[in-house]
Structure formats: structure tokens, C-alpha cells
């Protein structure tokens, strides 16, 4: 595996899975389904091991990828899924001859990639949240290891890959968990009551549609912001207010480009609670008009390039027109834009902007990780998070 294939955004991994469903051969999808202790990635992390290439994606910092490729060969030959446990606790690290010492135990589901996964990638491509529910334990009447259903938050209920209702699955327990995890883009393995005293272990993999970042502007400083945002799993739209530029050619990392006007934003763009906006046209009038529309939208982040004094001038101009913003209307506004990282080059500025957007998207207050108590990554307990109480052991 090349370094480029290993470090691709999660959105690219899912896109690659979509493409490989229509390819010849048998690929293997590796998914982290459980972690005990500390690990590089959390449940839901994926790696596609295609049978005619180096694969794409990562589930560790590189310490298990060779092991996974070897294991995938057996899964590919048998045509059956397998869950493998890798113990990387500090005392056991030398078992792999690498001394990795991740202090974690990682369970990885390896499965032949087939049509049962198509609903997940199609929902993702359509910008819809979805939860993939996979049975990890066998021996329960009516359920087999690897059986799979889906949950669509817009429809509710569990359906099989062919779209038919999965009536035999324990809806009451699983749908609330699946709804929560799908919207959050998180994953967890849960144990649920399957009836007649039997329990079922199910991996609930929430795959949330990526948030959108709309960058207003066409200057050279837009390029680094677009590039870094795309690498951080945002769907990036570049919106220009002037014609005559080939925006797609100028910003190849953008998911799409739009030529619009400050007065037509609501007609040309969908501004919702998953939309983040960066305003950097460097034109006072354009920025001010765009800002007015954005502050009236549900967008949780509106970043405005420029010094604080420039925004104060905008407020004065609004006031002259009889437009005054209430304090709560400005809660989504971040200006001057970005985190205080101390850099001043185009990429350093872009890093500070994208880092701020990530913090807002993930509901985090930026600080040094050495100051954070407990785990770096939040742990997910799907049953507790939805108020379902403890699951059977």
C-alpha cells in the first residue's frame, strides 16, 4: 500500500467501495467493529483490500495493514466473513515483532465485498445518513453471522439489502441506536435480546453524509482551504460571484463549483444545519451581502475573512440600512476567521480555518490534547446514549 492510498479521506474510501462493487474480482472490506483500550482508529474505520491493487484506507497507523492483507486472502478464498482480534496491548506488542504498544485490543470484521453493501454506499453518494447493522454472533435461530440490514433515518425501520422489511430483527432496541449513530456518523457493537432467552451481537455502523463546506471566493487563497477541507472529509463547494473563470479547473479538489451572485445564494445553494461557510471574496460589498444571507440560514459556522474592524464596518453599513443583528443571530459567526495557530503563509492560514471548522463540526473547544483528560477519542455506548439502559452481557 502506498502512503497516498493509506492516508485518503474516509469519503474516498466509501467512494472506492462504490466503484469496486461494479468491478470484477472479489475485494475484501475490513472494518473496525470494537476497540478495547487505545487505538489509532475507532469502530467504523474502514480499509478496502482490493484483489488487484494495494488497497485504500487505513484502520491503524500502518502496523496491521500487512497482517490484514494476508488475512484478506483467506476470506477471499473462503468467501465468508471473519472477525479477527489483534491484541496490541503494551505487554503483547512484540508478538507482532513491531513493538507498536498501542495499548488496545482491536476487533476487525473482514468480509467479501458484495451487493449487500450497495445500499450503504448509494446512500452516502446521495448525501443521506444510513446505519449498517451486521450480525457478529452466530447460533441464534433466524440469524447468521454476517447477516445485514439497514436503517434509513428518513424512513425509520430496518430493511434488508433488497429493500424488504426485516421484521424478524429486534426493531424496538436497534432502531433508536441506529438512528442516533447514523446521524452522528459513529459506530458501536451492541448485544440485544433476540427472544427466547437468546442474545444477538450486532455491529451498528453509522455512516453520516459528510458535512458541506461552501467557500465563497475565487482568489488563490481559496485553493489551500479547498484542498485541506476535502482531505478532512468535507464536501467542498466553491462559489464564485464573477464569470469568466473555469472554477472546476482552478479548484480541482472541490466537489462542485457554482457561479452565483450574493443575492441568489438561497436559489443556488442548499444552506442547512450541515453547511459550513467560509466567506473570502475580499470584496466588501459581496462579503456583506453573502454574510446577511448566511446569518439568516441554519448554517452552524460562518467564517468571515478579514480583521475585526472590517466586520464592524459591515455592521455600520447594515445599521445605516436599518438592519441590526441580535446577539443570538451572530452566534454562528467567526471573525476574524480561524484558530490562533500563529502562522501566516497561505497553507498555515488554511490550516487554521479548516481546524476551526472541524472544531465546530465536532462540537469541540480547541485546546492541546495534553490538557484533555481521558481518551483522545470519545467512546460510544449506543445503548446508554439513547437511554436504552445496559445491554445483556
Protein backbone atom coordinates (compact mmCIF):
# COMPACT_ATOMS: atom_id res chain seq x y z
CA UNK A 1 0.00 0.00 0.00
CA UNK A 2 1.34 3.41 -0.90
CA UNK A 3 1.34 6.26 1.59
CA UNK A 4 -1.17 8.07 -0.62
CA UNK A 5 -3.63 5.16 -0.57
CA UNK A 6 -3.25 4.77 3.19
CA UNK A 7 -3.99 8.40 4.05
CA UNK A 8 -7.01 9.07 1.84
CA UNK A 9 -10.11 10.69 3.37
CA UNK A 10 -12.88 8.40 4.58
CA UNK A 11 -15.14 9.82 1.87
CA UNK A 12 -12.73 8.49 -0.76
CA UNK A 13 -12.70 5.04 0.84
CA UNK A 14 -16.51 4.85 0.61
CA UNK A 15 -16.40 6.14 -2.97
CA UNK A 16 -13.84 3.47 -3.84
CA UNK A 17 -16.08 0.79 -2.30
CA UNK A 18 -18.91 2.06 -4.52
CA UNK A 19 -16.75 1.81 -7.61
CA UNK A 20 -15.43 -1.66 -6.78
CA UNK A 21 -18.92 -3.11 -6.41
CA UNK A 22 -19.13 -2.98 -10.21
CA UNK A 23 -15.62 -4.31 -10.77
CA UNK A 24 -14.59 -7.88 -11.50
CA UNK A 25 -12.94 -9.89 -8.77
CA UNK A 26 -13.54 -10.19 -5.06
CA UNK A 27 -12.48 -7.38 -2.78
CA UNK A 28 -12.44 -7.58 1.00
CA UNK A 29 -13.73 -4.83 3.26
CA UNK A 30 -12.06 -4.50 6.66
CA UNK A 31 -13.97 -2.60 9.35
CA UNK A 32 -13.03 -1.95 12.97
CA UNK A 33 -16.00 -3.23 14.97
CA UNK A 34 -14.69 -2.93 18.52
CA UNK A 35 -11.79 -1.41 20.44
CA UNK A 36 -10.73 -2.07 24.00
CA UNK A 37 -8.28 0.47 25.34
CA UNK A 38 -6.48 2.84 22.98
CA UNK A 39 -6.11 2.53 19.23
CA UNK A 40 -5.32 4.73 16.24
CA UNK A 41 -8.85 4.46 14.81
CA UNK A 42 -12.26 3.90 16.37
CA UNK A 43 -15.09 1.49 15.43
CA UNK A 44 -16.34 2.21 11.93
CA UNK A 45 -12.90 2.85 10.41
CA UNK A 46 -12.59 1.06 7.08
CA UNK A 47 -10.00 -0.27 4.68
CA UNK A 48 -10.75 -1.75 1.26
CA UNK A 49 -8.45 -4.60 0.24
CA UNK A 50 -8.99 -4.97 -3.49
CA UNK A 51 -7.73 -8.13 -5.12
CA UNK A 52 -5.85 -6.42 -7.95
CA UNK A 53 -4.27 -3.45 -6.17
CA UNK A 54 -2.67 -2.16 -2.98
CA UNK A 55 -5.95 -1.30 -1.27
CA UNK A 56 -7.16 2.01 0.08
CA UNK A 57 -7.82 3.42 3.54
CA UNK A 58 -6.47 2.60 6.98
CA UNK A 59 -7.56 1.21 10.31
CA UNK A 60 -4.22 1.62 12.12
CA UNK A 61 -1.14 3.80 11.77
CA UNK A 62 0.27 1.15 9.45
CA UNK A 63 1.14 -1.57 11.95
CA UNK A 64 -1.56 -4.07 10.93
CA UNK A 65 -2.11 -3.44 7.25
CA UNK A 66 0.23 -6.24 6.11
CA UNK A 67 -1.47 -8.65 8.53
CA UNK A 68 -4.86 -7.62 7.15
CA UNK A 69 -3.84 -8.19 3.57
CA UNK A 70 -2.71 -11.71 4.46
CA UNK A 71 -5.94 -12.41 6.34
CA UNK A 72 -7.99 -11.00 3.44
CA UNK A 73 -6.56 -13.66 1.15
CA UNK A 74 -8.18 -16.38 3.25
CA UNK A 75 -11.50 -14.51 3.45
CA UNK A 76 -11.45 -14.03 -0.31
CA UNK A 77 -10.79 -17.72 -0.93
CA UNK A 78 -13.46 -18.95 1.51
CA UNK A 79 -16.00 -16.34 0.50
CA UNK A 80 -17.09 -15.93 4.12
CA UNK A 81 -16.68 -13.12 6.67
CA UNK A 82 -14.33 -13.41 9.63
CA UNK A 83 -13.74 -11.34 12.75
CA UNK A 84 -10.09 -11.19 13.82
CA UNK A 85 -8.85 -9.84 17.13
CA UNK A 86 -5.49 -8.06 17.26
CA UNK A 87 -4.08 -7.58 20.75
CA UNK A 88 -1.74 -4.59 20.73
CA UNK A 89 -1.57 -4.05 24.46
CA UNK A 90 1.85 -2.87 25.58
CA UNK A 91 2.82 -6.22 27.07
CA UNK A 92 1.82 -8.03 23.90
CA UNK A 93 3.15 -5.62 21.29
CA UNK A 94 6.24 -7.67 20.49
CA UNK A 95 4.02 -10.56 19.40
CA UNK A 96 3.85 -8.83 16.02
CA UNK A 97 7.54 -8.04 16.04
CA UNK A 98 6.84 -4.34 15.80
CA UNK A 99 6.79 -3.06 19.36
CA UNK A 100 3.80 -0.89 18.49
CA UNK A 101 2.43 -0.66 22.02
CA UNK A 102 -0.94 0.90 21.07
CA UNK A 103 -2.40 -0.31 24.37
CA UNK A 104 -5.50 -1.56 22.64
CA UNK A 105 -7.32 -4.68 21.51
CA UNK A 106 -8.90 -4.27 18.07
CA UNK A 107 -11.63 -6.46 16.56
CA UNK A 108 -11.74 -6.25 12.77
CA UNK A 109 -14.51 -7.61 10.58
CA UNK A 110 -13.20 -8.87 7.23
CA UNK A 111 -15.89 -9.62 4.67
CA UNK A 112 -16.08 -10.22 0.92
CA UNK A 113 -17.43 -7.07 -0.70
CA UNK A 114 -20.74 -7.89 -2.34
CA UNK A 115 -24.12 -6.42 -3.24
CA UNK A 116 -25.32 -6.41 0.36
CA UNK A 117 -23.19 -3.31 0.89
CA UNK A 118 -24.57 -1.33 -2.06
CA UNK A 119 -27.39 0.45 -0.14
CA UNK A 120 -24.78 1.98 2.20
CA UNK A 121 -22.58 3.47 -0.49
CA UNK A 122 -25.54 4.64 -2.57
CA UNK A 123 -27.00 6.45 0.43
CA UNK A 124 -23.63 8.06 1.06
CA UNK A 125 -23.34 9.13 -2.58
CA UNK A 126 -26.81 10.67 -2.38
CA UNK A 127 -25.88 12.64 0.73
CA UNK A 128 -28.09 10.57 3.07
CA UNK A 129 -27.24 9.24 6.51
CA UNK A 130 -27.51 5.47 6.93
CA UNK A 131 -26.73 2.79 9.50
CA UNK A 132 -25.43 -0.65 8.52
CA UNK A 133 -26.30 -3.40 11.01
CA UNK A 134 -24.30 -6.63 10.81
CA UNK A 135 -24.65 -9.77 12.92
CA UNK A 136 -21.36 -10.68 14.62
CA UNK A 137 -22.55 -13.76 16.51
CA UNK A 138 -23.95 -16.98 15.16
CA UNK A 139 -26.08 -19.68 16.69
CA UNK A 140 -29.23 -17.59 17.09
CA UNK A 141 -32.31 -19.02 15.39
CA UNK A 142 -33.11 -16.98 12.28
CA UNK A 143 -29.81 -15.10 12.26
CA UNK A 144 -26.48 -16.00 10.71
CA UNK A 145 -23.06 -14.47 11.20
CA UNK A 146 -22.70 -11.70 8.61
CA UNK A 147 -26.44 -11.14 8.11
CA UNK A 148 -27.10 -7.48 7.35
CA UNK A 149 -29.88 -4.91 7.38
CA UNK A 150 -30.04 -1.15 7.00
CA UNK A 151 -31.62 1.76 8.80
CA UNK A 152 -32.56 4.97 6.99
CA UNK A 153 -33.25 7.86 9.44
CA UNK A 154 -35.68 9.42 6.98
CA UNK A 155 -37.83 6.30 6.74
CA UNK A 156 -37.35 4.54 10.08
CA UNK A 157 -37.41 0.79 10.46
CA UNK A 158 -34.94 -1.85 9.35
CA UNK A 159 -34.76 -3.18 5.81
CA UNK A 160 -32.78 -5.90 4.09
CA UNK A 161 -30.33 -5.06 1.28
CA UNK A 162 -33.11 -5.75 -1.25
CA UNK A 163 -35.35 -3.17 0.45
CA UNK A 164 -37.80 -5.58 2.05
CA UNK A 165 -38.74 -5.11 5.73
CA UNK A 166 -36.57 -7.04 8.20
CA UNK A 167 -39.45 -7.87 10.52
CA UNK A 168 -37.63 -10.59 12.47
CA UNK A 169 -34.98 -8.17 13.75
CA UNK A 170 -35.47 -6.57 17.22
CA UNK A 171 -36.66 -3.19 15.98
CA UNK A 172 -37.56 -1.68 19.35
CA UNK A 173 -33.99 -1.88 20.62
CA UNK A 174 -31.98 -1.39 17.44
CA UNK A 175 -33.77 1.42 15.60
CA UNK A 176 -33.17 4.07 18.27
CA UNK A 177 -29.48 3.16 18.42
CA UNK A 178 -29.19 3.05 14.64
CA UNK A 179 -30.89 6.43 14.28
CA UNK A 180 -28.53 8.06 16.76
CA UNK A 181 -25.37 6.52 15.29
CA UNK A 182 -26.37 7.21 11.67
CA UNK A 183 -26.87 10.90 12.32
CA UNK A 184 -23.62 11.17 14.30
CA UNK A 185 -21.55 9.03 11.95
CA UNK A 186 -20.44 6.80 14.83
CA UNK A 187 -20.37 3.04 15.36
CA UNK A 188 -20.75 0.59 18.21
CA UNK A 189 -21.16 -3.14 18.82
CA UNK A 190 -24.21 -3.90 20.94
CA UNK A 191 -25.76 -7.01 22.46
CA UNK A 192 -29.54 -7.18 22.19
CA UNK A 193 -32.32 -9.54 23.22
CA UNK A 194 -33.27 -11.78 20.29
CA UNK A 195 -36.11 -13.50 22.15
CA UNK A 196 -36.47 -16.87 23.87
CA UNK A 197 -33.52 -16.05 26.12
CA UNK A 198 -31.10 -15.65 23.21
CA UNK A 199 -28.90 -12.61 22.68
CA UNK A 200 -27.60 -11.18 19.43
CA UNK A 201 -24.34 -9.29 18.95
CA UNK A 202 -24.79 -6.62 16.29
CA UNK A 203 -22.33 -4.10 14.88
CA UNK A 204 -24.21 -0.85 14.20
CA UNK A 205 -22.16 1.25 11.78
CA UNK A 206 -23.48 4.77 11.38
CA UNK A 207 -22.34 6.34 8.12
CA UNK A 208 -23.26 10.00 8.13
CA UNK A 209 -23.29 12.00 4.94
CA UNK A 210 -20.29 14.33 5.04
CA UNK A 211 -20.84 17.93 6.05
CA UNK A 212 -20.54 20.56 3.34
CA UNK A 213 -18.13 23.47 3.32
CA UNK A 214 -19.03 26.30 0.96
CA UNK A 215 -16.13 28.60 0.20
CA UNK A 216 -17.13 31.96 -1.27
CA UNK A 217 -14.33 33.42 -3.35
CA UNK A 218 -12.09 32.62 -6.28
CA UNK A 219 -8.73 34.01 -5.16
CA UNK A 220 -5.56 31.95 -4.91
CA UNK A 221 -6.01 31.61 -1.14
CA UNK A 222 -9.20 29.59 -1.74
CA UNK A 223 -7.15 26.69 -3.14
CA UNK A 224 -5.41 25.63 0.09
CA UNK A 225 -8.67 25.87 2.07
CA UNK A 226 -10.45 23.73 -0.51
CA UNK A 227 -7.67 21.16 -0.61
CA UNK A 228 -7.39 20.76 3.16
CA UNK A 229 -11.15 20.68 3.70
CA UNK A 230 -11.53 17.91 1.10
CA UNK A 231 -8.80 15.89 2.82
CA UNK A 232 -10.77 16.27 6.06
CA UNK A 233 -13.91 14.65 4.60
CA UNK A 234 -15.91 17.77 3.76
CA UNK A 235 -17.87 18.02 0.56
CA UNK A 236 -16.47 21.28 -0.73
CA UNK A 237 -18.36 23.73 -2.90
CA UNK A 238 -16.56 26.76 -4.30
CA UNK A 239 -18.95 29.61 -5.07
CA UNK A 240 -17.78 32.45 -7.29
CA UNK A 241 -19.53 35.74 -7.92
CA UNK A 242 -17.88 36.56 -11.23
CA UNK A 243 -18.00 34.73 -14.53
CA UNK A 244 -15.08 34.16 -16.86
CA UNK A 245 -13.22 31.70 -14.65
CA UNK A 246 -13.11 27.94 -15.02
CA UNK A 247 -13.71 27.22 -11.34
CA UNK A 248 -13.58 23.44 -11.74
CA UNK A 249 -10.15 23.67 -13.34
CA UNK A 250 -8.89 26.21 -10.82
CA UNK A 251 -10.10 24.25 -7.77
CA UNK A 252 -9.78 20.55 -8.63
CA UNK A 253 -10.25 19.46 -5.01
CA UNK A 254 -13.76 20.91 -4.87
CA UNK A 255 -16.68 18.50 -5.06
CA UNK A 256 -18.51 21.06 -7.16
CA UNK A 257 -18.28 24.69 -8.23
CA UNK A 258 -21.04 27.24 -8.62
CA UNK A 259 -21.16 30.66 -10.25
CA UNK A 260 -23.82 32.70 -8.49
CA UNK A 261 -24.42 36.17 -7.07
CA UNK A 262 -24.70 37.41 -3.48
CA UNK A 263 -28.42 37.92 -3.96
CA UNK A 264 -29.08 34.43 -5.31
CA UNK A 265 -27.42 32.23 -2.72
CA UNK A 266 -30.63 30.64 -1.48
CA UNK A 267 -31.60 29.75 -5.05
CA UNK A 268 -28.27 28.17 -5.99
CA UNK A 269 -27.14 26.64 -2.70
CA UNK A 270 -28.75 24.49 -0.04
CA UNK A 271 -27.86 26.13 3.26
CA UNK A 272 -28.84 23.82 6.11
CA UNK A 273 -27.58 22.65 9.50
CA UNK A 274 -24.84 20.55 7.83
CA UNK A 275 -23.50 23.52 5.86
CA UNK A 276 -20.40 25.44 6.91
CA UNK A 277 -19.43 28.61 5.08
CA UNK A 278 -16.17 30.48 4.59
CA UNK A 279 -16.51 33.95 3.09
CA UNK A 280 -13.30 35.14 1.49
CA UNK A 281 -14.09 37.07 -1.68
CA UNK A 282 -12.07 40.06 -0.40
CA UNK A 283 -14.80 42.27 -1.83
CA UNK A 284 -16.52 44.31 0.90
CA UNK A 285 -19.93 44.53 -0.80
CA UNK A 286 -20.00 40.88 -1.90
CA UNK A 287 -18.91 39.67 1.52
CA UNK A 288 -21.52 41.78 3.28
CA UNK A 289 -24.40 40.64 1.09
CA UNK A 290 -23.37 36.99 1.37
CA UNK A 291 -22.97 37.35 5.11
CA UNK A 292 -26.53 38.64 5.53
CA UNK A 293 -27.99 35.57 3.83
CA UNK A 294 -25.70 33.16 5.66
CA UNK A 295 -26.52 34.56 9.10
CA UNK A 296 -30.21 34.04 8.39
CA UNK A 297 -29.60 30.39 7.45
CA UNK A 298 -29.27 27.34 9.74
CA UNK A 299 -25.54 27.08 8.95
CA UNK A 300 -23.69 26.43 12.25
CA UNK A 301 -20.45 28.02 11.05
CA UNK A 302 -19.98 31.22 9.07
CA UNK A 303 -16.36 32.28 8.86
CA UNK A 304 -15.53 35.74 7.57
CA UNK A 305 -12.03 36.57 6.35
CA UNK A 306 -10.58 39.89 7.46
CA UNK A 307 -9.84 41.87 10.62
CA UNK A 308 -12.48 42.60 13.25
CA UNK A 309 -12.58 46.26 12.18
CA UNK A 310 -13.77 45.21 8.73
CA UNK A 311 -16.74 43.39 10.24
CA UNK A 312 -17.51 46.41 12.42
CA UNK A 313 -17.69 48.47 9.23
CA UNK A 314 -20.15 45.94 7.82
CA UNK A 315 -22.32 46.25 10.92
CA UNK A 316 -22.32 50.03 10.50
CA UNK A 317 -23.37 49.64 6.86
CA UNK A 318 -26.16 47.28 7.88
CA UNK A 319 -27.29 49.74 10.57
CA UNK A 320 -27.42 52.55 8.03
CA UNK A 321 -29.89 50.39 6.09
CA UNK A 322 -31.95 49.69 9.22
CA UNK A 323 -30.60 46.13 9.61
CA UNK A 324 -29.48 45.23 13.11
CA UNK A 325 -28.50 41.69 14.12
CA UNK A 326 -29.44 40.30 17.51
CA UNK A 327 -26.66 38.68 19.54
CA UNK A 328 -28.04 35.16 19.00
CA UNK A 329 -28.02 35.74 15.24
CA UNK A 330 -24.26 36.23 15.39
CA UNK A 331 -23.51 33.05 17.35
CA UNK A 332 -22.58 31.18 14.17
CA UNK A 333 -20.21 33.94 13.01
CA UNK A 334 -16.45 33.51 13.38
CA UNK A 335 -14.43 36.58 12.52
CA UNK A 336 -11.52 37.00 12.33
CA UNK A 337 -11.67 33.54 10.88
CA UNK A 338 -9.60 30.60 12.09
CA UNK A 339 -7.79 29.35 15.17
CA UNK A 340 -4.82 31.22 16.59
CA UNK A 341 -2.03 28.95 15.37
CA UNK A 342 0.46 31.74 14.75
CA UNK A 343 1.07 31.00 11.06
CA UNK A 344 0.83 33.46 8.22
CA UNK A 345 1.52 31.56 4.99
CA UNK A 346 -1.40 30.53 2.74
CA UNK A 347 -1.37 26.93 3.93
CA UNK A 348 -0.89 27.90 7.56
CA UNK A 349 -3.90 30.20 7.30
CA UNK A 350 -5.88 27.44 5.58
CA UNK A 351 -4.95 25.00 8.35
CA UNK A 352 -6.24 27.44 10.96
CA UNK A 353 -9.53 27.89 9.07
CA UNK A 354 -10.21 24.19 8.45
CA UNK A 355 -9.21 23.35 12.03
CA UNK A 356 -11.79 25.83 13.32
CA UNK A 357 -14.49 24.38 11.07
CA UNK A 358 -13.63 20.87 12.30
CA UNK A 359 -13.89 22.00 15.90
CA UNK A 360 -17.37 23.42 15.30
CA UNK A 361 -18.49 20.38 13.30
CA UNK A 362 -17.29 18.03 16.07
CA UNK A 363 -18.58 20.25 18.88
CA UNK A 364 -15.14 20.66 20.39
CA UNK A 365 -13.41 23.55 22.14
CA UNK A 366 -9.90 23.65 20.64
CA UNK A 367 -7.09 23.00 23.09
CA UNK A 368 -3.92 20.95 23.44
CA UNK A 369 -4.58 17.23 23.73
CA UNK A 370 -2.17 17.05 26.65
CA UNK A 371 -4.73 19.12 28.55
CA UNK A 372 -7.56 16.70 27.78
CA UNK A 373 -8.40 14.22 30.48
CA UNK A 374 -9.32 10.68 29.50
CA UNK A 375 -9.36 9.27 25.99
CA UNK A 376 -8.49 11.31 22.93
CA UNK A 377 -11.47 9.86 21.02
CA UNK A 378 -14.90 9.90 22.64
CA UNK A 379 -16.18 6.42 23.44
CA UNK A 380 -19.56 5.42 22.08
CA UNK A 381 -22.05 3.48 24.19
CA UNK A 382 -25.04 3.27 21.88
CA UNK A 383 -27.39 1.74 24.44
CA UNK A 384 -26.63 4.35 27.08
CA UNK A 385 -26.62 7.25 24.61
CA UNK A 386 -30.22 6.55 23.55
CA UNK A 387 -31.39 5.77 27.07
CA UNK A 388 -31.89 2.07 26.42
CA UNK A 389 -30.11 1.04 29.57
CA UNK A 390 -27.46 -1.66 29.79
CA UNK A 391 -27.44 -4.37 27.15
CA UNK A 392 -27.25 -8.04 28.14
CA UNK A 393 -23.77 -9.39 28.71
